[in-house]
PDB file of N, CA and C in Angstrom:
ATOM      1  N   MET A   1       0.843  -1.172   0.000  1.00  0.00           N
ATOM      2  CA  MET A   1       0.000   0.000   0.000  1.00  0.00           C
ATOM      3  C   MET A   1       0.891   1.239   0.000  1.00  0.00           C
ATOM      4  N   GLU A   2       0.529   2.247  -0.772  1.00  0.00           N
ATOM      5  CA  GLU A   2       1.311   3.467  -0.858  1.00  0.00           C
ATOM      6  C   GLU A   2       0.550   4.644  -0.240  1.00  0.00           C
ATOM      7  N   PHE A   3       1.323   5.577   0.291  1.00  0.00           N
ATOM      8  CA  PHE A   3       0.770   6.777   0.905  1.00  0.00           C
ATOM      9  C   PHE A   3       1.460   7.992   0.301  1.00  0.00           C
ATOM     10  N   ARG A   4       0.862   9.143   0.487  1.00  0.00           N
ATOM     11  CA  ARG A   4       1.436  10.381  -0.038  1.00  0.00           C
ATOM     12  C   ARG A   4       2.148  11.143   1.082  1.00  0.00           C
ATOM     13  N   CYS A   5       3.307  11.700   0.718  1.00  0.00           N
ATOM     14  CA  CYS A   5       4.054  12.562   1.636  1.00  0.00           C
ATOM     15  C   CYS A   5       3.201  13.809   1.908  1.00  0.00           C
ATOM     16  N   CYS A   6       3.226  14.305   3.147  1.00  0.00           N
ATOM     17  CA  CYS A   6       2.441  15.484   3.523  1.00  0.00           C
ATOM     18  C   CYS A   6       2.930  16.764   2.844  1.00  0.00           C
ATOM     19  N   ASN A   7       4.129  16.749   2.324  1.00  0.00           N
ATOM     20  CA  ASN A   7       4.683  17.961   1.723  1.00  0.00           C
ATOM     21  C   ASN A   7       4.678  17.904   0.200  1.00  0.00           C
ATOM     22  N   CYS A   8       5.333  16.904  -0.376  1.00  0.00           N
ATOM     23  CA  CYS A   8       5.488  16.881  -1.831  1.00  0.00           C
ATOM     24  C   CYS A   8       4.469  15.992  -2.530  1.00  0.00           C
ATOM     25  N   CYS A   9       3.689  15.250  -1.754  1.00  0.00           N
ATOM     26  CA  CYS A   9       2.641  14.372  -2.278  1.00  0.00           C
ATOM     27  C   CYS A   9       3.184  13.214  -3.103  1.00  0.00           C
ATOM     28  N   CYS A  10       4.457  12.886  -2.968  1.00  0.00           N
ATOM     29  CA  CYS A  10       4.973  11.725  -3.691  1.00  0.00           C
ATOM     30  C   CYS A  10       4.370  10.459  -3.101  1.00  0.00           C
ATOM     31  N   LEU A  11       4.213   9.459  -3.915  1.00  0.00           N
ATOM     32  CA  LEU A  11       3.684   8.177  -3.461  1.00  0.00           C
ATOM     33  C   LEU A  11       4.831   7.308  -2.969  1.00  0.00           C
ATOM     34  N   ILE A  12       4.757   6.900  -1.719  1.00  0.00           N
ATOM     35  CA  ILE A  12       5.783   6.023  -1.158  1.00  0.00           C
ATOM     36  C   ILE A  12       5.119   5.014  -0.235  1.00  0.00           C
ATOM     37  N   SER A  13       5.844   3.954   0.061  1.00  0.00           N
ATOM     38  CA  SER A  13       5.286   2.947   0.963  1.00  0.00           C
ATOM     39  C   SER A  13       5.286   3.489   2.391  1.00  0.00           C
ATOM     40  N   LEU A  14       4.419   2.963   3.199  1.00  0.00           N
ATOM     41  CA  LEU A  14       4.232   3.445   4.564  1.00  0.00           C
ATOM     42  C   LEU A  14       5.531   3.405   5.372  1.00  0.00           C
ATOM     43  N   ASN A  15       6.347   2.380   5.170  1.00  0.00           N
ATOM     44  CA  ASN A  15       7.580   2.284   5.960  1.00  0.00           C
ATOM     45  C   ASN A  15       8.618   3.344   5.573  1.00  0.00           C
ATOM     46  N   ARG A  16       8.362   4.093   4.508  1.00  0.00           N
ATOM     47  CA  ARG A  16       9.289   5.153   4.113  1.00  0.00           C
ATOM     48  C   ARG A  16       8.842   6.524   4.613  1.00  0.00           C
ATOM     49  N   LEU A  17       7.640   6.612   5.147  1.00  0.00           N
ATOM     50  CA  LEU A  17       7.175   7.857   5.763  1.00  0.00           C
ATOM     51  C   LEU A  17       7.673   7.894   7.198  1.00  0.00           C
ATOM     52  N   ASN A  18       8.071   9.086   7.657  1.00  0.00           N
ATOM     53  CA  ASN A  18       8.448   9.176   9.064  1.00  0.00           C
ATOM     54  C   ASN A  18       7.195   9.427   9.903  1.00  0.00           C
ATOM     55  N   GLU A  19       7.380   9.560  11.205  1.00  0.00           N
ATOM     56  CA  GLU A  19       6.228   9.715  12.097  1.00  0.00           C
ATOM     57  C   GLU A  19       5.428  10.989  11.830  1.00  0.00           C
ATOM     58  N   SER A  20       6.026  11.979  11.173  1.00  0.00           N
ATOM     59  CA  SER A  20       5.320  13.220  10.852  1.00  0.00           C
ATOM     60  C   SER A  20       4.592  13.141   9.517  1.00  0.00           C
ATOM     61  N   GLY A  21       4.746  12.019   8.808  1.00  0.00           N
ATOM     62  CA  GLY A  21       4.070  11.868   7.522  1.00  0.00           C
ATOM     63  C   GLY A  21       4.853  12.404   6.337  1.00  0.00           C
ATOM     64  N   TYR A  22       6.151  12.671   6.535  1.00  0.00           N
ATOM     65  CA  TYR A  22       7.005  13.185   5.464  1.00  0.00           C
ATOM     66  C   TYR A  22       7.884  12.081   4.887  1.00  0.00           C
ATOM     67  N   CYS A  23       8.218  12.216   3.585  1.00  0.00           N
ATOM     68  CA  CYS A  23       9.251  11.357   3.028  1.00  0.00           C
ATOM     69  C   CYS A  23      10.597  11.919   3.478  1.00  0.00           C
ATOM     70  N   LYS A  24      11.664  11.167   3.294  1.00  0.00           N
ATOM     71  CA  LYS A  24      12.987  11.600   3.774  1.00  0.00           C
ATOM     72  C   LYS A  24      13.430  12.921   3.157  1.00  0.00           C
ATOM     73  N   LEU A  25      13.089  13.170   1.903  1.00  0.00           N
ATOM     74  CA  LEU A  25      13.534  14.407   1.256  1.00  0.00           C
ATOM     75  C   LEU A  25      12.778  15.639   1.731  1.00  0.00           C
ATOM     76  N   CYS A  26      11.590  15.464   2.301  1.00  0.00           N
ATOM     77  CA  CYS A  26      10.788  16.609   2.725  1.00  0.00           C
ATOM     78  C   CYS A  26      10.899  16.918   4.208  1.00  0.00           C
ATOM     79  N   ASP A  27      11.243  15.943   5.006  1.00  0.00           N
ATOM     80  CA  ASP A  27      11.371  16.167   6.438  1.00  0.00           C
ATOM     81  C   ASP A  27      12.533  17.131   6.667  1.00  0.00           C
ATOM     82  N   PRO A  28      12.290  18.257   7.345  1.00  0.00           N
ATOM     83  CA  PRO A  28      13.349  19.263   7.519  1.00  0.00           C
ATOM     84  C   PRO A  28      14.644  18.704   8.108  1.00  0.00           C
ATOM     85  N   LYS A  29      14.538  17.848   9.127  1.00  0.00           N
ATOM     86  CA  LYS A  29      15.744  17.292   9.749  1.00  0.00           C
ATOM     87  C   LYS A  29      16.443  16.332   8.797  1.00  0.00           C
ATOM     88  N   GLU A  30      15.688  15.457   8.152  1.00  0.00           N
ATOM     89  CA  GLU A  30      16.262  14.513   7.186  1.00  0.00           C
ATOM     90  C   GLU A  30      16.930  15.274   6.048  1.00  0.00           C
ATOM     91  N   LYS A  31      16.266  16.343   5.600  1.00  0.00           N
ATOM     92  CA  LYS A  31      16.788  17.143   4.492  1.00  0.00           C
ATOM     93  C   LYS A  31      18.145  17.743   4.862  1.00  0.00           C
ATOM     94  N   GLU A  32      18.242  18.273   6.077  1.00  0.00           N
ATOM     95  CA  GLU A  32      19.522  18.825   6.551  1.00  0.00           C
ATOM     96  C   GLU A  32      20.611  17.764   6.530  1.00  0.00           C
ATOM     97  N   ASP A  33      20.290  16.577   7.027  1.00  0.00           N
ATOM     98  CA  ASP A  33      21.258  15.480   7.069  1.00  0.00           C
ATOM     99  C   ASP A  33      21.696  15.075   5.662  1.00  0.00           C
ATOM    100  N   ILE A  34      20.754  14.983   4.745  1.00  0.00           N
ATOM    101  CA  ILE A  34      21.066  14.604   3.358  1.00  0.00           C
ATOM    102  C   ILE A  34      21.955  15.649   2.716  1.00  0.00           C
ATOM    103  N   ILE A  35      21.602  16.929   2.893  1.00  0.00           N
ATOM    104  CA  ILE A  35      22.405  18.015   2.312  1.00  0.00           C
ATOM    105  C   ILE A  35      23.813  17.994   2.889  1.00  0.00           C
ATOM    106  N   GLU A  36      23.924  17.802   4.195  1.00  0.00           N
ATOM    107  CA  GLU A  36      25.242  17.749   4.834  1.00  0.00           C
ATOM    108  C   GLU A  36      26.084  16.600   4.277  1.00  0.00           C
ATOM    109  N   LYS A  37      25.471  15.432   4.119  1.00  0.00           N
ATOM    110  CA  LYS A  37      26.196  14.282   3.574  1.00  0.00           C
ATOM    111  C   LYS A  37      26.643  14.549   2.139  1.00  0.00           C
ATOM    112  N   LEU A  38      25.743  15.135   1.331  1.00  0.00           N
ATOM    113  CA  LEU A  38      26.098  15.432  -0.056  1.00  0.00           C
ATOM    114  C   LEU A  38      27.217  16.460  -0.135  1.00  0.00           C
ATOM    115  N   GLU A  39      27.146  17.476   0.718  1.00  0.00           N
ATOM    116  CA  GLU A  39      28.205  18.494   0.725  1.00  0.00           C
ATOM    117  C   GLU A  39      29.541  17.872   1.086  1.00  0.00           C
ATOM    118  N   LYS A  40      29.555  17.000   2.086  1.00  0.00           N
ATOM    119  CA  LYS A  40      30.807  16.355   2.470  1.00  0.00           C
ATOM    120  C   LYS A  40      31.330  15.469   1.349  1.00  0.00           C
ATOM    121  N   GLN A  41      30.412  14.790   0.668  1.00  0.00           N
ATOM    122  CA  GLN A  41      30.812  13.863  -0.377  1.00  0.00           C
ATOM    123  C   GLN A  41      31.257  14.587  -1.642  1.00  0.00           C
ATOM    124  N   TYR A  42      30.509  15.603  -2.061  1.00  0.00           N
ATOM    125  CA  TYR A  42      30.752  16.206  -3.365  1.00  0.00           C
ATOM    126  C   TYR A  42      31.468  17.550  -3.328  1.00  0.00           C
ATOM    127  N   LEU A  43      31.422  18.233  -2.213  1.00  0.00           N
ATOM    128  CA  LEU A  43      32.027  19.550  -2.167  1.00  0.00           C
ATOM    129  C   LEU A  43      33.353  19.576  -1.421  1.00  0.00           C
ATOM    130  N   LYS A  44      33.777  18.412  -0.957  1.00  0.00           N
ATOM    131  CA  LYS A  44      35.055  18.353  -0.270  1.00  0.00           C
ATOM    132  C   LYS A  44      36.155  18.752  -1.253  1.00  0.00           C
ATOM    133  N   GLU A  45      36.968  19.681  -0.849  1.00  0.00           N
ATOM    134  CA  GLU A  45      37.988  20.200  -1.756  1.00  0.00           C
ATOM    135  C   GLU A  45      39.163  19.242  -1.882  1.00  0.00           C
ATOM    136  N   ASP A  46      39.580  19.029  -3.098  1.00  0.00           N
ATOM    137  CA  ASP A  46      40.797  18.276  -3.386  1.00  0.00           C
ATOM    138  C   ASP A  46      41.849  19.315  -3.757  1.00  0.00           C
ATOM    139  N   ILE A  47      42.555  19.801  -2.751  1.00  0.00           N
ATOM    140  CA  ILE A  47      43.475  20.926  -2.927  1.00  0.00           C
ATOM    141  C   ILE A  47      44.614  20.617  -3.885  1.00  0.00           C
ATOM    142  N   ILE A  48      44.959  19.344  -4.079  1.00  0.00           N
ATOM    143  CA  ILE A  48      46.060  18.985  -4.970  1.00  0.00           C
ATOM    144  C   ILE A  48      45.593  18.842  -6.410  1.00  0.00           C
ATOM    145  N   ASN A  49      44.598  18.012  -6.654  1.00  0.00           N
ATOM    146  CA  ASN A  49      44.193  17.684  -8.013  1.00  0.00           C
ATOM    147  C   ASN A  49      43.122  18.591  -8.609  1.00  0.00           C
ATOM    148  N   LYS A  50      42.325  19.205  -7.758  1.00  0.00           N
ATOM    149  CA  LYS A  50      41.216  20.018  -8.271  1.00  0.00           C
ATOM    150  C   LYS A  50      40.815  21.067  -7.230  1.00  0.00           C
ATOM    151  N   PRO A  51      41.687  22.044  -6.985  1.00  0.00           N
ATOM    152  CA  PRO A  51      41.367  23.052  -5.969  1.00  0.00           C
ATOM    153  C   PRO A  51      40.145  23.884  -6.365  1.00  0.00           C
ATOM    154  N   ASN A  52      39.286  24.155  -5.392  1.00  0.00           N
ATOM    155  CA  ASN A  52      38.043  24.885  -5.648  1.00  0.00           C
ATOM    156  C   ASN A  52      38.271  26.239  -6.315  1.00  0.00           C
ATOM    157  N   HIS A  53      39.340  26.947  -5.951  1.00  0.00           N
ATOM    158  CA  HIS A  53      39.540  28.290  -6.495  1.00  0.00           C
ATOM    159  C   HIS A  53      39.847  28.276  -7.993  1.00  0.00           C
ATOM    160  N   TYR A  54      40.180  27.123  -8.570  1.00  0.00           N
ATOM    161  CA  TYR A  54      40.390  27.018 -10.009  1.00  0.00           C
ATOM    162  C   TYR A  54      39.222  26.360 -10.730  1.00  0.00           C
ATOM    163  N   HIS A  55      38.222  25.886 -10.005  1.00  0.00           N
ATOM    164  CA  HIS A  55      37.150  25.114 -10.627  1.00  0.00           C
ATOM    165  C   HIS A  55      35.759  25.641 -10.319  1.00  0.00           C
ATOM    166  N   SER A  56      35.635  26.942 -10.102  1.00  0.00           N
ATOM    167  CA  SER A  56      34.311  27.480  -9.847  1.00  0.00           C
ATOM    168  C   SER A  56      33.463  27.371 -11.113  1.00  0.00           C
ATOM    169  N   ASN A  57      32.210  27.165 -10.936  1.00  0.00           N
ATOM    170  CA  ASN A  57      31.256  27.035 -12.046  1.00  0.00           C
ATOM    171  C   ASN A  57      31.586  25.880 -12.986  1.00  0.00           C
ATOM    172  N   GLY A  58      32.277  24.864 -12.481  1.00  0.00           N
ATOM    173  CA  GLY A  58      32.556  23.689 -13.300  1.00  0.00           C
ATOM    174  C   GLY A  58      33.624  23.889 -14.359  1.00  0.00           C
ATOM    175  N   ILE A  59      34.376  24.953 -14.281  1.00  0.00           N
ATOM    176  CA  ILE A  59      35.419  25.228 -15.279  1.00  0.00           C
ATOM    177  C   ILE A  59      36.728  24.603 -14.823  1.00  0.00           C
ATOM    178  N   ASP A  60      37.371  23.864 -15.728  1.00  0.00           N
ATOM    179  CA  ASP A  60      38.648  23.215 -15.448  1.00  0.00           C
ATOM    180  C   ASP A  60      39.720  23.879 -16.314  1.00  0.00           C
ATOM    181  N   PRO A  61      40.516  24.798 -15.746  1.00  0.00           N
ATOM    182  CA  PRO A  61      41.486  25.540 -16.546  1.00  0.00           C
ATOM    183  C   PRO A  61      42.530  24.654 -17.240  1.00  0.00           C
ATOM    184  N   ILE A  62      42.986  23.595 -16.573  1.00  0.00           N
ATOM    185  CA  ILE A  62      43.968  22.713 -17.204  1.00  0.00           C
ATOM    186  C   ILE A  62      43.321  22.001 -18.387  1.00  0.00           C
ATOM    187  N   GLY A  63      42.093  21.547 -18.206  1.00  0.00           N
ATOM    188  CA  GLY A  63      41.372  20.899 -19.304  1.00  0.00           C
ATOM    189  C   GLY A  63      41.186  21.826 -20.494  1.00  0.00           C
ATOM    190  N   ILE A  64      40.902  23.096 -20.229  1.00  0.00           N
ATOM    191  CA  ILE A  64      40.772  24.072 -21.316  1.00  0.00           C
ATOM    192  C   ILE A  64      42.119  24.237 -22.008  1.00  0.00           C
ATOM    193  N   GLY A  65      43.179  24.379 -21.215  1.00  0.00           N
ATOM    194  CA  GLY A  65      44.521  24.515 -21.785  1.00  0.00           C
ATOM    195  C   GLY A  65      44.886  23.336 -22.661  1.00  0.00           C
ATOM    196  N   GLU A  66      44.524  22.138 -22.211  1.00  0.00           N
ATOM    197  CA  GLU A  66      44.832  20.934 -22.992  1.00  0.00           C
ATOM    198  C   GLU A  66      44.092  20.908 -24.322  1.00  0.00           C
ATOM    199  N   LYS A  67      42.998  21.646 -24.412  1.00  0.00           N
ATOM    200  CA  LYS A  67      42.241  21.705 -25.666  1.00  0.00           C
ATOM    201  C   LYS A  67      42.744  22.805 -26.609  1.00  0.00           C
ATOM    202  N   ILE A  68      43.234  23.912 -26.043  1.00  0.00           N
ATOM    203  CA  ILE A  68      43.594  25.043 -26.908  1.00  0.00           C
ATOM    204  C   ILE A  68      45.092  25.205 -27.155  1.00  0.00           C
ATOM    205  N   PHE A  69      45.927  24.608 -26.303  1.00  0.00           N
ATOM    206  CA  PHE A  69      47.368  24.701 -26.498  1.00  0.00           C
ATOM    207  C   PHE A  69      47.895  23.399 -27.089  1.00  0.00           C
ATOM    208  N   THR A  70      49.055  23.484 -27.703  1.00  0.00           N
ATOM    209  CA  THR A  70      49.655  22.269 -28.257  1.00  0.00           C
ATOM    210  C   THR A  70      50.172  21.388 -27.123  1.00  0.00           C
ATOM    211  N   GLU A  71      50.422  20.155 -27.455  1.00  0.00           N
ATOM    212  CA  GLU A  71      50.956  19.212 -26.471  1.00  0.00           C
ATOM    213  C   GLU A  71      52.296  19.709 -25.929  1.00  0.00           C
ATOM    214  N   ASP A  72      53.145  20.251 -26.805  1.00  0.00           N
ATOM    215  CA  ASP A  72      54.448  20.765 -26.358  1.00  0.00           C
ATOM    216  C   ASP A  72      54.290  21.980 -25.453  1.00  0.00           C
ATOM    217  N   GLU A  73      53.313  22.836 -25.753  1.00  0.00           N
ATOM    218  CA  GLU A  73      53.070  23.990 -24.872  1.00  0.00           C
ATOM    219  C   GLU A  73      52.621  23.519 -23.489  1.00  0.00           C
ATOM    220  N   MET A  74      51.764  22.517 -23.453  1.00  0.00           N
ATOM    221  CA  MET A  74      51.305  21.997 -22.166  1.00  0.00           C
ATOM    222  C   MET A  74      52.452  21.312 -21.420  1.00  0.00           C
ATOM    223  N   LEU A  75      53.326  20.612 -22.142  1.00  0.00           N
ATOM    224  CA  LEU A  75      54.497  20.000 -21.486  1.00  0.00           C
ATOM    225  C   LEU A  75      55.337  21.075 -20.806  1.00  0.00           C
ATOM    226  N   GLY A  76      55.528  22.193 -21.471  1.00  0.00           N
ATOM    227  CA  GLY A  76      56.277  23.300 -20.865  1.00  0.00           C
ATOM    228  C   GLY A  76      55.596  23.811 -19.609  1.00  0.00           C
ATOM    229  N   PHE A  77      54.280  23.936 -19.674  1.00  0.00           N
ATOM    230  CA  PHE A  77      53.485  24.366 -18.518  1.00  0.00           C
ATOM    231  C   PHE A  77      53.647  23.380 -17.367  1.00  0.00           C
ATOM    232  N   TYR A  78      53.520  22.083 -17.659  1.00  0.00           N
ATOM    233  CA  TYR A  78      53.655  21.063 -16.623  1.00  0.00           C
ATOM    234  C   TYR A  78      55.049  21.098 -16.010  1.00  0.00           C
ATOM    235  N   LYS A  79      56.072  21.187 -16.860  1.00  0.00           N
ATOM    236  CA  LYS A  79      57.462  21.192 -16.372  1.00  0.00           C
ATOM    237  C   LYS A  79      57.726  22.417 -15.506  1.00  0.00           C
ATOM    238  N   MET A  80      57.216  23.572 -15.916  1.00  0.00           N
ATOM    239  CA  MET A  80      57.415  24.796 -15.131  1.00  0.00           C
ATOM    240  C   MET A  80      56.757  24.666 -13.759  1.00  0.00           C
ATOM    241  N   ASN A  81      55.597  24.046 -13.716  1.00  0.00           N
ATOM    242  CA  ASN A  81      54.922  23.869 -12.430  1.00  0.00           C
ATOM    243  C   ASN A  81      55.653  22.878 -11.538  1.00  0.00           C
ATOM    244  N   VAL A  82      56.238  21.831 -12.107  1.00  0.00           N
ATOM    245  CA  VAL A  82      57.056  20.911 -11.307  1.00  0.00           C
ATOM    246  C   VAL A  82      58.212  21.691 -10.684  1.00  0.00           C
ATOM    247  N   LEU A  83      58.901  22.482 -11.490  1.00  0.00           N
ATOM    248  CA  LEU A  83      60.020  23.288 -11.004  1.00  0.00           C
ATOM    249  C   LEU A  83      59.558  24.238  -9.897  1.00  0.00           C
ATOM    250  N   LYS A  84      58.453  24.946 -10.147  1.00  0.00           N
ATOM    251  CA  LYS A  84      57.932  25.913  -9.174  1.00  0.00           C
ATOM    252  C   LYS A  84      57.608  25.246  -7.838  1.00  0.00           C
ATOM    253  N   TYR A  85      56.825  24.168  -7.871  1.00  0.00           N
ATOM    254  CA  TYR A  85      56.388  23.545  -6.616  1.00  0.00           C
ATOM    255  C   TYR A  85      57.534  22.861  -5.891  1.00  0.00           C
ATOM    256  N   ARG A  86      58.504  22.314  -6.602  1.00  0.00           N
ATOM    257  CA  ARG A  86      59.651  21.687  -5.926  1.00  0.00           C
ATOM    258  C   ARG A  86      60.550  22.747  -5.285  1.00  0.00           C
ATOM    259  N   MET A  87      60.718  23.870  -5.971  1.00  0.00           N
ATOM    260  CA  MET A  87      61.598  24.915  -5.428  1.00  0.00           C
ATOM    261  C   MET A  87      60.977  25.637  -4.239  1.00  0.00           C
ATOM    262  N   ARG A  88      59.665  25.785  -4.228  1.00  0.00           N
ATOM    263  CA  ARG A  88      59.035  26.528  -3.130  1.00  0.00           C
ATOM    264  C   ARG A  88      58.557  25.626  -2.000  1.00  0.00           C
ATOM    265  N   ALA A  89      58.699  24.315  -2.139  1.00  0.00           N
ATOM    266  CA  ALA A  89      58.176  23.368  -1.147  1.00  0.00           C
ATOM    267  C   ALA A  89      58.574  23.772   0.271  1.00  0.00           C
ATOM    268  N   GLY A  90      57.561  23.984   1.105  1.00  0.00           N
ATOM    269  CA  GLY A  90      57.791  24.336   2.495  1.00  0.00           C
ATOM    270  C   GLY A  90      58.129  25.784   2.744  1.00  0.00           C
ATOM    271  N   LYS A  91      58.160  26.609   1.708  1.00  0.00           N
ATOM    272  CA  LYS A  91      58.567  28.009   1.866  1.00  0.00           C
ATOM    273  C   LYS A  91      57.411  29.000   1.763  1.00  0.00           C
ATOM    274  N   LYS A  92      56.297  28.600   1.142  1.00  0.00           N
ATOM    275  CA  LYS A  92      55.176  29.522   0.985  1.00  0.00           C
ATOM    276  C   LYS A  92      54.261  29.414   2.194  1.00  0.00           C
ATOM    277  N   GLU A  93      53.959  30.567   2.777  1.00  0.00           N
ATOM    278  CA  GLU A  93      53.086  30.590   3.941  1.00  0.00           C
ATOM    279  C   GLU A  93      51.710  30.038   3.579  1.00  0.00           C
ATOM    280  N   GLY A  94      51.214  29.141   4.403  1.00  0.00           N
ATOM    281  CA  GLY A  94      49.901  28.556   4.168  1.00  0.00           C
ATOM    282  C   GLY A  94      49.937  27.274   3.360  1.00  0.00           C
ATOM    283  N   ASN A  95      51.087  26.942   2.796  1.00  0.00           N
ATOM    284  CA  ASN A  95      51.241  25.695   2.045  1.00  0.00           C
ATOM    285  C   ASN A  95      52.324  24.863   2.711  1.00  0.00           C
ATOM    286  N   SER A  96      51.984  23.630   3.040  1.00  0.00           N
ATOM    287  CA  SER A  96      52.981  22.759   3.653  1.00  0.00           C
ATOM    288  C   SER A  96      53.927  22.239   2.579  1.00  0.00           C
ATOM    289  N   GLU A  97      55.079  21.778   3.018  1.00  0.00           N
ATOM    290  CA  GLU A  97      56.036  21.172   2.091  1.00  0.00           C
ATOM    291  C   GLU A  97      55.390  19.981   1.393  1.00  0.00           C
ATOM    292  N   GLU A  98      54.673  19.166   2.163  1.00  0.00           N
ATOM    293  CA  GLU A  98      54.004  17.986   1.602  1.00  0.00           C
ATOM    294  C   GLU A  98      53.009  18.386   0.509  1.00  0.00           C
ATOM    295  N   GLN A  99      52.245  19.434   0.755  1.00  0.00           N
ATOM    296  CA  GLN A  99      51.255  19.883  -0.223  1.00  0.00           C
ATOM    297  C   GLN A  99      51.937  20.297  -1.530  1.00  0.00           C
ATOM    298  N   ASP A 100      53.009  21.066  -1.438  1.00  0.00           N
ATOM    299  CA  ASP A 100      53.717  21.497  -2.651  1.00  0.00           C
ATOM    300  C   ASP A 100      54.340  20.311  -3.382  1.00  0.00           C
ATOM    301  N   LEU A 101      54.878  19.358  -2.642  1.00  0.00           N
ATOM    302  CA  LEU A 101      55.468  18.180  -3.286  1.00  0.00           C
ATOM    303  C   LEU A 101      54.391  17.330  -3.973  1.00  0.00           C
ATOM    304  N   LEU A 102      53.207  17.255  -3.372  1.00  0.00           N
ATOM    305  CA  LEU A 102      52.107  16.539  -4.021  1.00  0.00           C
ATOM    306  C   LEU A 102      51.653  17.252  -5.295  1.00  0.00           C
ATOM    307  N   LYS A 103      51.675  18.583  -5.265  1.00  0.00           N
ATOM    308  CA  LYS A 103      51.331  19.339  -6.480  1.00  0.00           C
ATOM    309  C   LYS A 103      52.373  19.080  -7.577  1.00  0.00           C
ATOM    310  N   ALA A 104      53.641  19.039  -7.191  1.00  0.00           N
ATOM    311  CA  ALA A 104      54.692  18.733  -8.162  1.00  0.00           C
ATOM    312  C   ALA A 104      54.474  17.348  -8.751  1.00  0.00           C
ATOM    313  N   GLU A 105      54.125  16.386  -7.900  1.00  0.00           N
ATOM    314  CA  GLU A 105      53.856  15.023  -8.379  1.00  0.00           C
ATOM    315  C   GLU A 105      52.660  14.989  -9.329  1.00  0.00           C
ATOM    316  N   PHE A 106      51.658  15.817  -9.080  1.00  0.00           N
ATOM    317  CA  PHE A 106      50.493  15.908  -9.966  1.00  0.00           C
ATOM    318  C   PHE A 106      50.952  16.278 -11.382  1.00  0.00           C
ATOM    319  N   TYR A 107      51.829  17.285 -11.479  1.00  0.00           N
ATOM    320  CA  TYR A 107      52.311  17.719 -12.791  1.00  0.00           C
ATOM    321  C   TYR A 107      53.294  16.721 -13.391  1.00  0.00           C
ATOM    322  N   GLU A 108      54.073  16.046 -12.557  1.00  0.00           N
ATOM    323  CA  GLU A 108      54.963  14.995 -13.067  1.00  0.00           C
ATOM    324  C   GLU A 108      54.150  13.866 -13.698  1.00  0.00           C
ATOM    325  N   LYS A 109      53.020  13.542 -13.095  1.00  0.00           N
ATOM    326  CA  LYS A 109      52.149  12.509 -13.668  1.00  0.00           C
ATOM    327  C   LYS A 109      51.601  12.978 -15.011  1.00  0.00           C
ATOM    328  N   LYS A 110      51.245  14.253 -15.113  1.00  0.00           N
ATOM    329  CA  LYS A 110      50.762  14.798 -16.390  1.00  0.00           C
ATOM    330  C   LYS A 110      51.841  14.636 -17.470  1.00  0.00           C
ATOM    331  N   ILE A 111      53.089  14.919 -17.114  1.00  0.00           N
ATOM    332  CA  ILE A 111      54.203  14.780 -18.065  1.00  0.00           C
ATOM    333  C   ILE A 111      54.336  13.316 -18.497  1.00  0.00           C
ATOM    334  N   LYS A 112      54.317  12.408 -17.540  1.00  0.00           N
ATOM    335  CA  LYS A 112      54.418  10.979 -17.861  1.00  0.00           C
ATOM    336  C   LYS A 112      53.265  10.535 -18.754  1.00  0.00           C
ATOM    337  N   ASP A 113      52.065  11.046 -18.479  1.00  0.00           N
ATOM    338  CA  ASP A 113      50.899  10.685 -19.299  1.00  0.00           C
ATOM    339  C   ASP A 113      51.099  11.112 -20.753  1.00  0.00           C
ATOM    340  N   VAL A 114      51.656  12.295 -20.967  1.00  0.00           N
ATOM    341  CA  VAL A 114      51.901  12.774 -22.332  1.00  0.00           C
ATOM    342  C   VAL A 114      52.921  11.873 -23.026  1.00  0.00           C
ATOM    343  N   TYR A 115      54.029  11.581 -22.342  1.00  0.00           N
ATOM    344  CA  TYR A 115      55.062  10.733 -22.949  1.00  0.00           C
ATOM    345  C   TYR A 115      54.554   9.313 -23.193  1.00  0.00           C
ATOM    346  N   ASN A 116      53.768   8.777 -22.260  1.00  0.00           N
ATOM    347  CA  ASN A 116      53.196   7.444 -22.473  1.00  0.00           C
ATOM    348  C   ASN A 116      52.237   7.429 -23.658  1.00  0.00           C
ATOM    349  N   ALA A 117      51.456   8.481 -23.821  1.00  0.00           N
ATOM    350  CA  ALA A 117      50.546   8.566 -24.965  1.00  0.00           C
ATOM    351  C   ALA A 117      51.337   8.632 -26.267  1.00  0.00           C
ATOM    352  N   ARG A 118      52.441   9.352 -26.247  1.00  0.00           N
ATOM    353  CA  ARG A 118      53.284   9.449 -27.454  1.00  0.00           C
ATOM    354  C   ARG A 118      53.852   8.076 -27.814  1.00  0.00           C
ATOM    355  N   ILE A 119      54.328   7.352 -26.816  1.00  0.00           N
ATOM    356  CA  ILE A 119      54.876   6.014 -27.067  1.00  0.00           C
ATOM    357  C   ILE A 119      53.797   5.094 -27.594  1.00  0.00           C
ATOM    358  N   HIS A 120      52.642   5.149 -26.956  1.00  0.00           N
ATOM    359  CA  HIS A 120      51.514   4.292 -27.361  1.00  0.00           C
ATOM    360  C   HIS A 120      51.087   4.585 -28.794  1.00  0.00           C
ATOM    361  N   CYS A 121      51.159   5.841 -29.209  1.00  0.00           N
ATOM    362  CA  CYS A 121      50.738   6.225 -30.563  1.00  0.00           C
ATOM    363  C   CYS A 121      51.888   6.174 -31.566  1.00  0.00           C
ATOM    364  N   GLY A 122      53.069   5.767 -31.115  1.00  0.00           N
ATOM    365  CA  GLY A 122      54.211   5.673 -32.013  1.00  0.00           C
ATOM    366  C   GLY A 122      54.885   7.009 -32.292  1.00  0.00           C
ATOM    367  N   ARG A 123      54.630   8.014 -31.441  1.00  0.00           N
ATOM    368  CA  ARG A 123      55.285   9.314 -31.603  1.00  0.00           C
ATOM    369  C   ARG A 123      56.408   9.424 -30.596  1.00  0.00           C
ATOM    370  N   LYS A 124      57.346  10.304 -30.861  1.00  0.00           N
ATOM    371  CA  LYS A 124      58.446  10.516 -29.914  1.00  0.00           C
ATOM    372  C   LYS A 124      58.323  11.831 -29.214  1.00  0.00           C
TER     373      LYS A 124
END
């Protein structure tokens, strides 16, 4: 047997209604919990691979660069960032040495990916 939620009128089984007659998405407390869980799951910042300050509105600057610049131009960009993060590791206020070294490793992986793709495609 199905019942309607007191708020959104969706049809759900009785065991899915809470004691107030709401489905989980409409109950104010349940809604808060769901939003909090989603924020923790999806909005948690990955400061190394995808920092929020570079990805607002779903824009990925590295991805754009990879589309508009040549592979060699991007290799130069990656190499410069490896140099930058290795040289400043532990010296910039607010950034730990570990964080900068992980950023350098991120760009080193990008370089390896380009060279591996070249080998796989028979390019040098």
